[in-house]
Amino acid sequence: MTKDLIKLLISEYQAYVSQVELIPRNVELVDGLNYVFVGLRHAGKSYLMFQRIAQLIEQGHKREEILYFNFEDDRIDSLDAKDLDLIKTCYEEMYDTRPIFFLDEIQLVDRWEKFARRLADQKYQVYITGSNAKMLSSEIATTLGGRYMIHEVYPYSLREYLNASGIDTYEKNALFTFGKQIVKLANTYFQHGGLPETVGMKEPR
C-alpha cells in the first residue's frame, strides 16, 4: 500500500465521518480511556465510532485530529503490521496534531495487537472495532494487556428500535398515540431482529 493511497484514504475518511447522520444510541464512554467495540457484524460498531467522533468534535476537537481507518475498504490490499506504522507515519506527514485513532475492523491485519498495545503505551487515544471469533472471545482483554476497555455492542432493544423508527417511547401517552405503528414495528422487529440496518442508518449526503 503506497503512501499516496494512505493519505488519500485518511483525507476521505475524515470528510466521511464528519458527515454521517446518526441515530444516537444511549452509550456513555469515559474520556481518556481506550475502547474495543466488539459484537456481531452490522450491530452498529462503526456507527458507535462515528457517534464518538461527533461527540469529540462537539467537545472542541478538530476534524484533522481524527485518524479513522476502515480496514474493509476494497481499495486496500492485504496488510501486515508494518503497514499500521505506515498509516501513522502518513498522518504525521499530513498534520502537526496528535491523532485520535479509530481503527475499524483492524483484526483483518495480522499481528495488529502489538500495534494497538504500543499506541496505548504511548498514551494515544484509541478506539477499535472487531467482529471475528477471536475479537468476540474473552481472550481479547488479555491479548491487549489490560490497556483497553472491552465494550460489547448489541443490536437494538425493542425500545431503541422504536425510537430509531421515529416513535418517542418516552412520550407520556406513546402507546395510545402510536399504538398501531408500535404493533407493526414490533412485528417487524421480532421477524427481522434489531440490527440497526433494519431501520436504516443514514449515509452522508
N, C-alpha and C. Protein backbone atom coordinates (compact mmCIF):
# COMPACT_ATOMS: atom_id res chain seq x y z
N MET A 1 0.86 -1.19 0.00
CA MET A 1 0.00 0.00 0.00
C MET A 1 0.89 1.24 0.00
N THR A 2 0.66 2.15 -0.91
CA THR A 2 1.51 3.32 -1.06
C THR A 2 1.12 4.44 -0.11
N LYS A 3 2.08 5.33 0.13
CA LYS A 3 1.80 6.50 0.97
C LYS A 3 0.71 7.37 0.35
N ASP A 4 0.75 7.52 -0.96
CA ASP A 4 -0.25 8.37 -1.62
C ASP A 4 -1.66 7.85 -1.37
N LEU A 5 -1.83 6.53 -1.45
CA LEU A 5 -3.15 5.95 -1.22
C LEU A 5 -3.56 6.13 0.23
N ILE A 6 -2.65 5.90 1.16
CA ILE A 6 -2.96 6.05 2.57
C ILE A 6 -3.40 7.48 2.88
N LYS A 7 -2.68 8.45 2.36
CA LYS A 7 -3.02 9.85 2.62
C LYS A 7 -4.37 10.22 2.00
N LEU A 8 -4.64 9.68 0.82
CA LEU A 8 -5.94 9.91 0.19
C LEU A 8 -7.05 9.33 1.06
N LEU A 9 -6.86 8.12 1.57
CA LEU A 9 -7.88 7.47 2.39
C LEU A 9 -8.09 8.23 3.70
N ILE A 10 -7.00 8.66 4.34
CA ILE A 10 -7.13 9.42 5.58
C ILE A 10 -7.99 10.66 5.36
N SER A 11 -7.71 11.37 4.28
CA SER A 11 -8.45 12.59 3.97
C SER A 11 -9.92 12.28 3.66
N GLU A 12 -10.15 11.25 2.85
CA GLU A 12 -11.53 10.88 2.51
C GLU A 12 -12.31 10.46 3.75
N TYR A 13 -11.69 9.66 4.60
CA TYR A 13 -12.37 9.20 5.81
C TYR A 13 -12.72 10.36 6.74
N GLN A 14 -11.83 11.33 6.85
CA GLN A 14 -12.11 12.49 7.70
C GLN A 14 -13.35 13.22 7.22
N ALA A 15 -13.48 13.37 5.91
CA ALA A 15 -14.66 14.03 5.35
C ALA A 15 -15.91 13.17 5.58
N TYR A 16 -15.76 11.87 5.38
CA TYR A 16 -16.90 10.96 5.51
C TYR A 16 -17.47 10.96 6.92
N VAL A 17 -16.61 10.74 7.92
CA VAL A 17 -17.12 10.55 9.28
C VAL A 17 -17.72 11.82 9.86
N SER A 18 -17.32 12.97 9.33
CA SER A 18 -17.87 14.22 9.84
C SER A 18 -19.24 14.54 9.24
N GLN A 19 -19.67 13.75 8.25
CA GLN A 19 -20.95 13.99 7.59
C GLN A 19 -22.00 12.93 7.87
N VAL A 20 -21.62 11.85 8.53
CA VAL A 20 -22.58 10.78 8.78
C VAL A 20 -23.70 11.30 9.67
N GLU A 21 -24.94 11.07 9.26
CA GLU A 21 -26.10 11.44 10.07
C GLU A 21 -26.46 10.25 10.96
N LEU A 22 -26.45 10.49 12.26
CA LEU A 22 -26.55 9.40 13.21
C LEU A 22 -27.93 9.31 13.85
N ILE A 23 -28.27 8.09 14.22
CA ILE A 23 -29.37 7.85 15.15
C ILE A 23 -28.67 7.51 16.47
N PRO A 24 -28.55 8.48 17.39
CA PRO A 24 -27.72 8.27 18.57
C PRO A 24 -28.21 7.12 19.45
N ARG A 25 -27.25 6.38 20.00
CA ARG A 25 -27.55 5.35 20.98
C ARG A 25 -27.13 5.84 22.36
N ASN A 26 -27.83 5.36 23.37
CA ASN A 26 -27.56 5.80 24.73
C ASN A 26 -26.37 5.02 25.29
N VAL A 27 -25.18 5.44 24.86
CA VAL A 27 -23.95 4.78 25.29
C VAL A 27 -23.02 5.84 25.85
N GLU A 28 -22.55 5.63 27.06
CA GLU A 28 -21.63 6.58 27.69
C GLU A 28 -20.23 6.01 27.71
N LEU A 29 -19.29 6.77 27.16
CA LEU A 29 -17.88 6.39 27.16
C LEU A 29 -17.10 7.38 28.00
N VAL A 30 -16.12 6.90 28.70
CA VAL A 30 -15.33 7.73 29.60
C VAL A 30 -14.16 8.36 28.84
N ASP A 31 -14.04 9.66 28.93
CA ASP A 31 -12.91 10.35 28.29
C ASP A 31 -11.59 9.82 28.84
N GLY A 32 -10.62 9.67 27.96
CA GLY A 32 -9.30 9.27 28.39
C GLY A 32 -9.05 7.77 28.40
N LEU A 33 -10.11 6.97 28.18
CA LEU A 33 -9.94 5.52 28.12
C LEU A 33 -9.93 5.05 26.67
N ASN A 34 -9.25 3.94 26.43
CA ASN A 34 -9.24 3.32 25.11
C ASN A 34 -10.28 2.20 25.08
N TYR A 35 -10.94 2.03 23.93
CA TYR A 35 -12.04 1.08 23.83
C TYR A 35 -11.89 0.14 22.64
N VAL A 36 -12.35 -1.08 22.85
CA VAL A 36 -12.55 -2.02 21.75
C VAL A 36 -14.04 -2.33 21.71
N PHE A 37 -14.69 -2.00 20.57
CA PHE A 37 -16.10 -2.31 20.38
C PHE A 37 -16.20 -3.67 19.69
N VAL A 38 -16.81 -4.63 20.36
CA VAL A 38 -16.94 -5.96 19.78
C VAL A 38 -18.42 -6.32 19.69
N GLY A 39 -18.74 -7.16 18.72
CA GLY A 39 -20.13 -7.57 18.57
C GLY A 39 -20.36 -8.18 17.20
N LEU A 40 -21.59 -8.59 16.97
CA LEU A 40 -21.98 -9.17 15.69
C LEU A 40 -21.74 -8.18 14.56
N ARG A 41 -21.54 -8.72 13.37
CA ARG A 41 -21.47 -7.85 12.20
C ARG A 41 -22.80 -7.12 12.05
N HIS A 42 -22.72 -5.84 11.70
CA HIS A 42 -23.89 -4.99 11.46
C HIS A 42 -24.65 -4.65 12.74
N ALA A 43 -24.02 -4.86 13.90
CA ALA A 43 -24.68 -4.49 15.15
C ALA A 43 -24.57 -3.00 15.45
N GLY A 44 -23.73 -2.29 14.69
CA GLY A 44 -23.61 -0.85 14.87
C GLY A 44 -22.30 -0.39 15.47
N LYS A 45 -21.26 -1.23 15.37
CA LYS A 45 -19.97 -0.87 15.97
C LYS A 45 -19.35 0.35 15.29
N SER A 46 -19.36 0.37 13.97
CA SER A 46 -18.78 1.51 13.25
C SER A 46 -19.54 2.79 13.56
N TYR A 47 -20.87 2.68 13.63
CA TYR A 47 -21.66 3.88 13.91
C TYR A 47 -21.48 4.36 15.34
N LEU A 48 -21.14 3.44 16.25
CA LEU A 48 -20.80 3.87 17.60
C LEU A 48 -19.49 4.66 17.56
N MET A 49 -18.56 4.25 16.70
CA MET A 49 -17.34 5.04 16.47
C MET A 49 -17.70 6.42 15.95
N PHE A 50 -18.58 6.47 14.95
CA PHE A 50 -18.95 7.76 14.35
C PHE A 50 -19.63 8.64 15.40
N GLN A 51 -20.44 8.03 16.26
CA GLN A 51 -21.08 8.78 17.34
C GLN A 51 -20.04 9.37 18.27
N ARG A 52 -19.01 8.59 18.58
CA ARG A 52 -17.94 9.08 19.46
C ARG A 52 -17.17 10.20 18.79
N ILE A 53 -16.91 10.07 17.50
CA ILE A 53 -16.22 11.13 16.75
C ILE A 53 -17.02 12.43 16.83
N ALA A 54 -18.34 12.33 16.63
CA ALA A 54 -19.20 13.52 16.70
C ALA A 54 -19.13 14.15 18.09
N GLN A 55 -19.10 13.32 19.13
CA GLN A 55 -19.01 13.84 20.50
C GLN A 55 -17.69 14.58 20.71
N LEU A 56 -16.60 14.01 20.23
CA LEU A 56 -15.29 14.64 20.40
C LEU A 56 -15.21 15.98 19.66
N ILE A 57 -15.80 16.02 18.48
CA ILE A 57 -15.80 17.28 17.72
C ILE A 57 -16.65 18.32 18.45
N GLU A 58 -17.77 17.88 19.03
CA GLU A 58 -18.59 18.80 19.82
C GLU A 58 -17.82 19.31 21.04
N GLN A 59 -16.92 18.51 21.56
CA GLN A 59 -16.11 18.90 22.71
C GLN A 59 -14.99 19.87 22.33
N GLY A 60 -14.78 20.09 21.03
CA GLY A 60 -13.78 21.05 20.60
C GLY A 60 -12.61 20.46 19.83
N HIS A 61 -12.60 19.15 19.63
CA HIS A 61 -11.54 18.55 18.83
C HIS A 61 -11.75 18.91 17.35
N LYS A 62 -10.67 19.04 16.62
CA LYS A 62 -10.74 19.37 15.20
C LYS A 62 -10.89 18.10 14.37
N ARG A 63 -11.50 18.25 13.20
CA ARG A 63 -11.65 17.11 12.30
C ARG A 63 -10.29 16.52 11.94
N GLU A 64 -9.27 17.37 11.84
CA GLU A 64 -7.93 16.90 11.47
C GLU A 64 -7.32 15.97 12.51
N GLU A 65 -7.83 16.02 13.74
CA GLU A 65 -7.30 15.14 14.78
C GLU A 65 -7.78 13.70 14.62
N ILE A 66 -8.81 13.51 13.82
CA ILE A 66 -9.42 12.19 13.70
C ILE A 66 -8.66 11.36 12.66
N LEU A 67 -8.13 10.22 13.11
CA LEU A 67 -7.50 9.28 12.19
C LEU A 67 -8.36 8.02 12.17
N TYR A 68 -9.39 8.07 11.33
CA TYR A 68 -10.26 6.91 11.14
C TYR A 68 -9.74 6.11 9.96
N PHE A 69 -9.70 4.80 10.12
CA PHE A 69 -9.24 3.95 9.01
C PHE A 69 -10.09 2.69 8.97
N ASN A 70 -10.67 2.43 7.79
CA ASN A 70 -11.55 1.29 7.59
C ASN A 70 -10.78 0.18 6.86
N PHE A 71 -10.45 -0.87 7.57
CA PHE A 71 -9.63 -1.93 7.01
C PHE A 71 -10.41 -2.88 6.11
N GLU A 72 -11.71 -2.63 5.94
CA GLU A 72 -12.50 -3.40 4.97
C GLU A 72 -12.62 -2.69 3.63
N ASP A 73 -12.01 -1.54 3.49
CA ASP A 73 -12.06 -0.80 2.23
C ASP A 73 -11.49 -1.66 1.10
N ASP A 74 -12.24 -1.79 0.00
CA ASP A 74 -11.79 -2.68 -1.07
C ASP A 74 -10.60 -2.12 -1.85
N ARG A 75 -10.21 -0.90 -1.57
CA ARG A 75 -9.02 -0.34 -2.23
C ARG A 75 -7.73 -0.74 -1.52
N ILE A 76 -7.86 -1.40 -0.38
CA ILE A 76 -6.70 -1.77 0.41
C ILE A 76 -6.33 -3.22 0.11
N ASP A 77 -5.06 -3.44 -0.23
CA ASP A 77 -4.57 -4.80 -0.40
C ASP A 77 -4.34 -5.42 0.97
N SER A 78 -3.96 -6.68 0.99
CA SER A 78 -3.67 -7.33 2.27
C SER A 78 -2.57 -6.57 3.00
N LEU A 79 -2.76 -6.38 4.29
CA LEU A 79 -1.85 -5.57 5.09
C LEU A 79 -1.16 -6.43 6.13
N ASP A 80 -0.01 -5.95 6.60
CA ASP A 80 0.61 -6.57 7.76
C ASP A 80 0.98 -5.48 8.75
N ALA A 81 1.64 -5.86 9.84
CA ALA A 81 1.86 -4.93 10.95
C ALA A 81 2.62 -3.68 10.54
N LYS A 82 3.58 -3.80 9.63
CA LYS A 82 4.37 -2.62 9.25
C LYS A 82 3.52 -1.58 8.54
N ASP A 83 2.42 -2.01 7.90
CA ASP A 83 1.53 -1.05 7.24
C ASP A 83 0.80 -0.18 8.27
N LEU A 84 0.59 -0.71 9.45
CA LEU A 84 -0.06 0.08 10.50
C LEU A 84 0.84 1.25 10.90
N ASP A 85 2.13 0.99 11.03
CA ASP A 85 3.07 2.08 11.30
C ASP A 85 3.10 3.08 10.16
N LEU A 86 2.95 2.58 8.93
CA LEU A 86 2.97 3.47 7.77
C LEU A 86 1.76 4.41 7.79
N ILE A 87 0.61 3.91 8.23
CA ILE A 87 -0.58 4.77 8.36
C ILE A 87 -0.30 5.89 9.35
N LYS A 88 0.29 5.56 10.47
CA LYS A 88 0.63 6.56 11.48
C LYS A 88 1.63 7.57 10.92
N THR A 89 2.64 7.07 10.21
CA THR A 89 3.65 7.95 9.62
C THR A 89 3.02 8.92 8.61
N CYS A 90 2.14 8.40 7.77
CA CYS A 90 1.49 9.25 6.76
C CYS A 90 0.66 10.35 7.42
N TYR A 91 -0.05 10.00 8.48
CA TYR A 91 -0.81 11.03 9.20
C TYR A 91 0.13 12.11 9.72
N GLU A 92 1.23 11.72 10.31
CA GLU A 92 2.18 12.67 10.89
C GLU A 92 2.81 13.55 9.82
N GLU A 93 2.90 13.06 8.59
CA GLU A 93 3.40 13.89 7.49
C GLU A 93 2.34 14.89 7.02
N MET A 94 1.08 14.59 7.28
CA MET A 94 -0.02 15.45 6.83
C MET A 94 -0.36 16.54 7.85
N TYR A 95 -0.24 16.21 9.14
CA TYR A 95 -0.71 17.12 10.19
C TYR A 95 0.30 17.23 11.32
N ASP A 96 0.24 18.35 12.02
CA ASP A 96 1.09 18.56 13.19
C ASP A 96 0.40 18.14 14.48
N THR A 97 -0.88 17.78 14.41
CA THR A 97 -1.65 17.45 15.60
C THR A 97 -1.45 15.99 16.00
N ARG A 98 -1.75 15.69 17.24
CA ARG A 98 -1.68 14.32 17.75
C ARG A 98 -2.99 13.63 17.42
N PRO A 99 -2.96 12.50 16.72
CA PRO A 99 -4.21 11.91 16.26
C PRO A 99 -4.96 11.15 17.34
N ILE A 100 -6.27 11.04 17.14
CA ILE A 100 -7.11 10.12 17.90
C ILE A 100 -7.44 8.99 16.92
N PHE A 101 -7.06 7.77 17.27
CA PHE A 101 -7.17 6.64 16.35
C PHE A 101 -8.54 5.98 16.44
N PHE A 102 -9.14 5.75 15.26
CA PHE A 102 -10.37 4.96 15.14
C PHE A 102 -10.08 3.89 14.09
N LEU A 103 -9.85 2.67 14.54
CA LEU A 103 -9.38 1.60 13.67
C LEU A 103 -10.49 0.56 13.51
N ASP A 104 -11.14 0.61 12.35
CA ASP A 104 -12.36 -0.15 12.11
C ASP A 104 -12.04 -1.50 11.47
N GLU A 105 -12.41 -2.58 12.16
CA GLU A 105 -12.15 -3.96 11.71
C GLU A 105 -10.65 -4.22 11.53
N ILE A 106 -9.87 -3.78 12.50
CA ILE A 106 -8.42 -3.91 12.42
C ILE A 106 -7.97 -5.37 12.51
N GLN A 107 -8.83 -6.27 12.95
CA GLN A 107 -8.43 -7.66 13.07
C GLN A 107 -8.08 -8.30 11.73
N LEU A 108 -8.38 -7.61 10.65
CA LEU A 108 -8.02 -8.10 9.32
C LEU A 108 -6.51 -8.00 9.06
N VAL A 109 -5.80 -7.29 9.93
CA VAL A 109 -4.34 -7.13 9.80
C VAL A 109 -3.66 -8.09 10.77
N ASP A 110 -2.77 -8.91 10.26
CA ASP A 110 -2.03 -9.83 11.12
C ASP A 110 -1.19 -9.08 12.14
N ARG A 111 -1.16 -9.58 13.36
CA ARG A 111 -0.33 -9.05 14.45
C ARG A 111 -0.66 -7.60 14.79
N TRP A 112 -1.93 -7.23 14.63
CA TRP A 112 -2.36 -5.86 14.94
C TRP A 112 -2.28 -5.55 16.43
N GLU A 113 -2.32 -6.61 17.27
CA GLU A 113 -2.39 -6.41 18.71
C GLU A 113 -1.18 -5.65 19.25
N LYS A 114 0.00 -5.95 18.71
CA LYS A 114 1.21 -5.27 19.19
C LYS A 114 1.14 -3.78 18.90
N PHE A 115 0.63 -3.43 17.74
CA PHE A 115 0.48 -2.03 17.37
C PHE A 115 -0.50 -1.34 18.32
N ALA A 116 -1.61 -2.01 18.60
CA ALA A 116 -2.62 -1.42 19.49
C ALA A 116 -2.06 -1.23 20.90
N ARG A 117 -1.30 -2.19 21.38
CA ARG A 117 -0.70 -2.05 22.72
C ARG A 117 0.30 -0.91 22.74
N ARG A 118 1.08 -0.78 21.67
CA ARG A 118 2.09 0.29 21.63
C ARG A 118 1.43 1.67 21.62
N LEU A 119 0.35 1.82 20.86
CA LEU A 119 -0.37 3.10 20.85
C LEU A 119 -0.85 3.46 22.25
N ALA A 120 -1.40 2.47 22.95
CA ALA A 120 -1.88 2.72 24.32
C ALA A 120 -0.72 3.09 25.24
N ASP A 121 0.40 2.41 25.09
CA ASP A 121 1.56 2.70 25.93
C ASP A 121 2.10 4.10 25.68
N GLN A 122 1.93 4.58 24.44
CA GLN A 122 2.39 5.92 24.07
C GLN A 122 1.32 6.98 24.36
N LYS A 123 0.28 6.57 25.06
CA LYS A 123 -0.78 7.47 25.55
C LYS A 123 -1.62 8.09 24.43
N TYR A 124 -1.73 7.39 23.31
CA TYR A 124 -2.68 7.82 22.29
C TYR A 124 -4.09 7.39 22.72
N GLN A 125 -5.07 8.13 22.25
CA GLN A 125 -6.46 7.74 22.46
C GLN A 125 -6.87 6.86 21.29
N VAL A 126 -7.40 5.67 21.59
CA VAL A 126 -7.63 4.68 20.53
C VAL A 126 -9.00 4.02 20.70
N TYR A 127 -9.68 3.87 19.56
CA TYR A 127 -10.94 3.13 19.52
C TYR A 127 -10.82 2.09 18.40
N ILE A 128 -11.23 0.87 18.70
CA ILE A 128 -11.06 -0.25 17.78
C ILE A 128 -12.39 -0.98 17.65
N THR A 129 -12.71 -1.49 16.45
CA THR A 129 -13.84 -2.40 16.31
C THR A 129 -13.35 -3.74 15.79
N GLY A 130 -14.11 -4.78 16.10
CA GLY A 130 -13.79 -6.10 15.59
C GLY A 130 -14.97 -7.02 15.74
N SER A 131 -15.06 -8.02 14.83
CA SER A 131 -16.23 -8.88 14.87
C SER A 131 -15.91 -10.35 14.59
N ASN A 132 -14.62 -10.73 14.51
CA ASN A 132 -14.35 -12.15 14.28
C ASN A 132 -14.36 -12.91 15.60
N ALA A 133 -14.19 -14.22 15.53
CA ALA A 133 -14.33 -15.06 16.72
C ALA A 133 -13.33 -14.68 17.80
N LYS A 134 -12.10 -14.37 17.40
CA LYS A 134 -11.08 -14.02 18.39
C LYS A 134 -11.44 -12.72 19.11
N MET A 135 -11.93 -11.73 18.36
CA MET A 135 -12.29 -10.46 18.97
C MET A 135 -13.48 -10.62 19.92
N LEU A 136 -14.35 -11.57 19.62
CA LEU A 136 -15.54 -11.76 20.45
C LEU A 136 -15.26 -12.61 21.69
N SER A 137 -14.10 -13.25 21.74
CA SER A 137 -13.80 -14.12 22.86
C SER A 137 -13.28 -13.31 24.05
N SER A 138 -13.27 -13.95 25.19
CA SER A 138 -12.78 -13.29 26.40
C SER A 138 -11.27 -13.08 26.37
N GLU A 139 -10.58 -13.69 25.41
CA GLU A 139 -9.13 -13.58 25.34
C GLU A 139 -8.66 -12.19 24.92
N ILE A 140 -9.55 -11.42 24.29
CA ILE A 140 -9.10 -10.16 23.71
C ILE A 140 -8.58 -9.20 24.77
N ALA A 141 -9.20 -9.18 25.95
CA ALA A 141 -8.74 -8.29 27.01
C ALA A 141 -7.33 -8.66 27.45
N THR A 142 -7.04 -9.97 27.54
CA THR A 142 -5.71 -10.43 27.90
C THR A 142 -4.71 -10.11 26.80
N THR A 143 -5.13 -10.32 25.55
CA THR A 143 -4.25 -10.05 24.41
C THR A 143 -3.80 -8.60 24.38
N LEU A 144 -4.68 -7.70 24.77
CA LEU A 144 -4.36 -6.28 24.76
C LEU A 144 -3.77 -5.80 26.09
N GLY A 145 -3.50 -6.72 26.96
CA GLY A 145 -2.76 -6.41 28.18
C GLY A 145 -3.44 -5.46 29.12
N GLY A 146 -4.78 -5.46 29.14
CA GLY A 146 -5.49 -4.60 30.06
C GLY A 146 -5.45 -3.13 29.72
N ARG A 147 -5.02 -2.79 28.52
CA ARG A 147 -4.89 -1.38 28.13
C ARG A 147 -6.19 -0.81 27.56
N TYR A 148 -7.16 -1.67 27.27
CA TYR A 148 -8.40 -1.25 26.62
C TYR A 148 -9.61 -1.74 27.41
N MET A 149 -10.67 -0.93 27.36
CA MET A 149 -11.96 -1.35 27.87
C MET A 149 -12.69 -2.08 26.75
N ILE A 150 -13.22 -3.25 27.04
CA ILE A 150 -13.97 -4.01 26.05
C ILE A 150 -15.45 -3.64 26.18
N HIS A 151 -16.01 -3.10 25.11
CA HIS A 151 -17.41 -2.66 25.12
C HIS A 151 -18.18 -3.50 24.10
N GLU A 152 -19.10 -4.32 24.59
CA GLU A 152 -19.88 -5.17 23.71
C GLU A 152 -21.04 -4.37 23.12
N VAL A 153 -21.17 -4.47 21.80
CA VAL A 153 -22.22 -3.74 21.08
C VAL A 153 -23.29 -4.74 20.66
N TYR A 154 -24.51 -4.51 21.10
CA TYR A 154 -25.61 -5.41 20.80
C TYR A 154 -26.56 -4.76 19.80
N PRO A 155 -27.36 -5.56 19.10
CA PRO A 155 -28.42 -4.98 18.26
C PRO A 155 -29.38 -4.16 19.12
N TYR A 156 -30.24 -3.41 18.45
CA TYR A 156 -31.22 -2.60 19.16
C TYR A 156 -32.11 -3.43 20.07
N SER A 157 -32.40 -2.89 21.25
CA SER A 157 -33.54 -3.39 22.03
C SER A 157 -34.81 -2.93 21.32
N LEU A 158 -35.96 -3.46 21.74
CA LEU A 158 -37.22 -3.05 21.11
C LEU A 158 -37.44 -1.55 21.29
N ARG A 159 -37.13 -1.03 22.47
CA ARG A 159 -37.32 0.42 22.71
C ARG A 159 -36.41 1.23 21.78
N GLU A 160 -35.14 0.82 21.65
CA GLU A 160 -34.23 1.53 20.74
C GLU A 160 -34.75 1.46 19.31
N TYR A 161 -35.24 0.29 18.92
CA TYR A 161 -35.75 0.11 17.57
C TYR A 161 -36.93 1.05 17.30
N LEU A 162 -37.83 1.15 18.25
CA LEU A 162 -38.98 2.04 18.08
C LEU A 162 -38.53 3.50 18.03
N ASN A 163 -37.62 3.89 18.92
CA ASN A 163 -37.13 5.27 18.92
C ASN A 163 -36.43 5.60 17.61
N ALA A 164 -35.60 4.64 17.11
CA ALA A 164 -34.90 4.86 15.85
C ALA A 164 -35.85 4.95 14.67
N SER A 165 -37.05 4.36 14.83
CA SER A 165 -38.07 4.38 13.77
C SER A 165 -38.98 5.59 13.88
N GLY A 166 -38.69 6.49 14.83
CA GLY A 166 -39.44 7.73 14.93
C GLY A 166 -40.54 7.73 15.98
N ILE A 167 -40.60 6.68 16.81
CA ILE A 167 -41.59 6.62 17.87
C ILE A 167 -40.93 7.04 19.18
N ASP A 168 -41.44 8.10 19.78
CA ASP A 168 -40.90 8.55 21.07
C ASP A 168 -41.55 7.74 22.18
N THR A 169 -40.87 6.67 22.60
CA THR A 169 -41.45 5.78 23.60
C THR A 169 -41.48 6.41 24.99
N TYR A 170 -40.80 7.55 25.14
CA TYR A 170 -40.80 8.24 26.42
C TYR A 170 -41.96 9.24 26.54
N GLU A 171 -42.68 9.43 25.43
CA GLU A 171 -43.84 10.31 25.48
C GLU A 171 -44.90 9.71 26.40
N LYS A 172 -45.58 10.56 27.14
CA LYS A 172 -46.49 10.11 28.20
C LYS A 172 -47.53 9.11 27.68
N ASN A 173 -48.15 9.41 26.56
CA ASN A 173 -49.21 8.55 26.03
C ASN A 173 -48.77 7.86 24.74
N ALA A 174 -47.53 7.41 24.71
CA ALA A 174 -46.97 6.85 23.48
C ALA A 174 -47.77 5.66 22.98
N LEU A 175 -48.15 4.77 23.88
CA LEU A 175 -48.87 3.57 23.45
C LEU A 175 -50.23 3.93 22.84
N PHE A 176 -50.89 4.92 23.41
CA PHE A 176 -52.18 5.35 22.87
C PHE A 176 -51.99 6.09 21.55
N THR A 177 -51.00 6.98 21.51
CA THR A 177 -50.79 7.81 20.33
C THR A 177 -50.28 7.01 19.14
N PHE A 178 -49.35 6.07 19.41
CA PHE A 178 -48.69 5.36 18.31
C PHE A 178 -49.02 3.87 18.31
N GLY A 179 -50.12 3.48 18.93
CA GLY A 179 -50.43 2.07 19.12
C GLY A 179 -50.29 1.20 17.89
N LYS A 180 -50.95 1.58 16.79
CA LYS A 180 -50.92 0.76 15.57
C LYS A 180 -49.51 0.69 14.99
N GLN A 181 -48.80 1.83 15.00
CA GLN A 181 -47.45 1.84 14.48
C GLN A 181 -46.52 0.97 15.33
N ILE A 182 -46.72 1.02 16.65
CA ILE A 182 -45.89 0.21 17.55
C ILE A 182 -46.10 -1.27 17.29
N VAL A 183 -47.34 -1.69 17.11
CA VAL A 183 -47.63 -3.10 16.83
C VAL A 183 -46.97 -3.54 15.53
N LYS A 184 -47.08 -2.70 14.49
CA LYS A 184 -46.49 -3.03 13.20
C LYS A 184 -44.97 -3.12 13.29
N LEU A 185 -44.36 -2.13 13.96
CA LEU A 185 -42.90 -2.12 14.09
C LEU A 185 -42.43 -3.27 14.98
N ALA A 186 -43.19 -3.60 16.00
CA ALA A 186 -42.82 -4.71 16.88
C ALA A 186 -42.82 -6.02 16.11
N ASN A 187 -43.80 -6.20 15.23
CA ASN A 187 -43.82 -7.41 14.41
C ASN A 187 -42.60 -7.49 13.52
N THR A 188 -42.24 -6.36 12.91
CA THR A 188 -41.04 -6.32 12.06
C THR A 188 -39.79 -6.63 12.87
N TYR A 189 -39.74 -6.06 14.08
CA TYR A 189 -38.59 -6.27 14.97
C TYR A 189 -38.43 -7.75 15.30
N PHE A 190 -39.51 -8.42 15.65
CA PHE A 190 -39.42 -9.82 16.04
C PHE A 190 -39.17 -10.74 14.84
N GLN A 191 -39.55 -10.29 13.65
CA GLN A 191 -39.30 -11.10 12.45
C GLN A 191 -37.88 -10.95 11.94
N HIS A 192 -37.35 -9.74 12.01
CA HIS A 192 -36.06 -9.46 11.37
C HIS A 192 -34.94 -9.11 12.35
N GLY A 193 -35.27 -8.96 13.63
CA GLY A 193 -34.23 -8.65 14.61
C GLY A 193 -33.99 -7.15 14.71
N GLY A 194 -33.06 -6.80 15.61
CA GLY A 194 -32.83 -5.38 15.90
C GLY A 194 -31.54 -4.83 15.38
N LEU A 195 -31.00 -5.41 14.31
CA LEU A 195 -29.80 -4.83 13.72
C LEU A 195 -30.13 -3.44 13.19
N PRO A 196 -29.26 -2.46 13.45
CA PRO A 196 -29.56 -1.08 13.02
C PRO A 196 -29.88 -0.95 11.54
N GLU A 197 -29.32 -1.83 10.71
CA GLU A 197 -29.58 -1.71 9.27
C GLU A 197 -31.04 -2.01 8.93
N THR A 198 -31.77 -2.68 9.84
CA THR A 198 -33.19 -2.92 9.58
C THR A 198 -34.01 -1.65 9.71
N VAL A 199 -33.45 -0.64 10.36
CA VAL A 199 -34.07 0.69 10.42
C VAL A 199 -33.53 1.55 9.31
N GLY A 200 -32.19 1.45 9.11
CA GLY A 200 -31.57 2.23 8.06
C GLY A 200 -30.75 3.35 8.62
N MET A 201 -29.47 3.08 8.87
CA MET A 201 -28.56 4.15 9.26
C MET A 201 -28.41 5.10 8.08
N LYS A 202 -28.23 6.37 8.39
CA LYS A 202 -28.19 7.38 7.34
C LYS A 202 -26.76 7.59 6.84
N GLU A 203 -26.61 7.48 5.54
CA GLU A 203 -25.31 7.72 4.93
C GLU A 203 -25.10 9.21 4.71
N PRO A 204 -23.85 9.64 4.52
CA PRO A 204 -23.59 11.05 4.25
C PRO A 204 -24.30 11.51 3.00
N ARG A 205 -24.70 12.77 3.00
CA ARG A 205 -25.35 13.32 1.80
C ARG A 205 -24.31 13.56 0.72
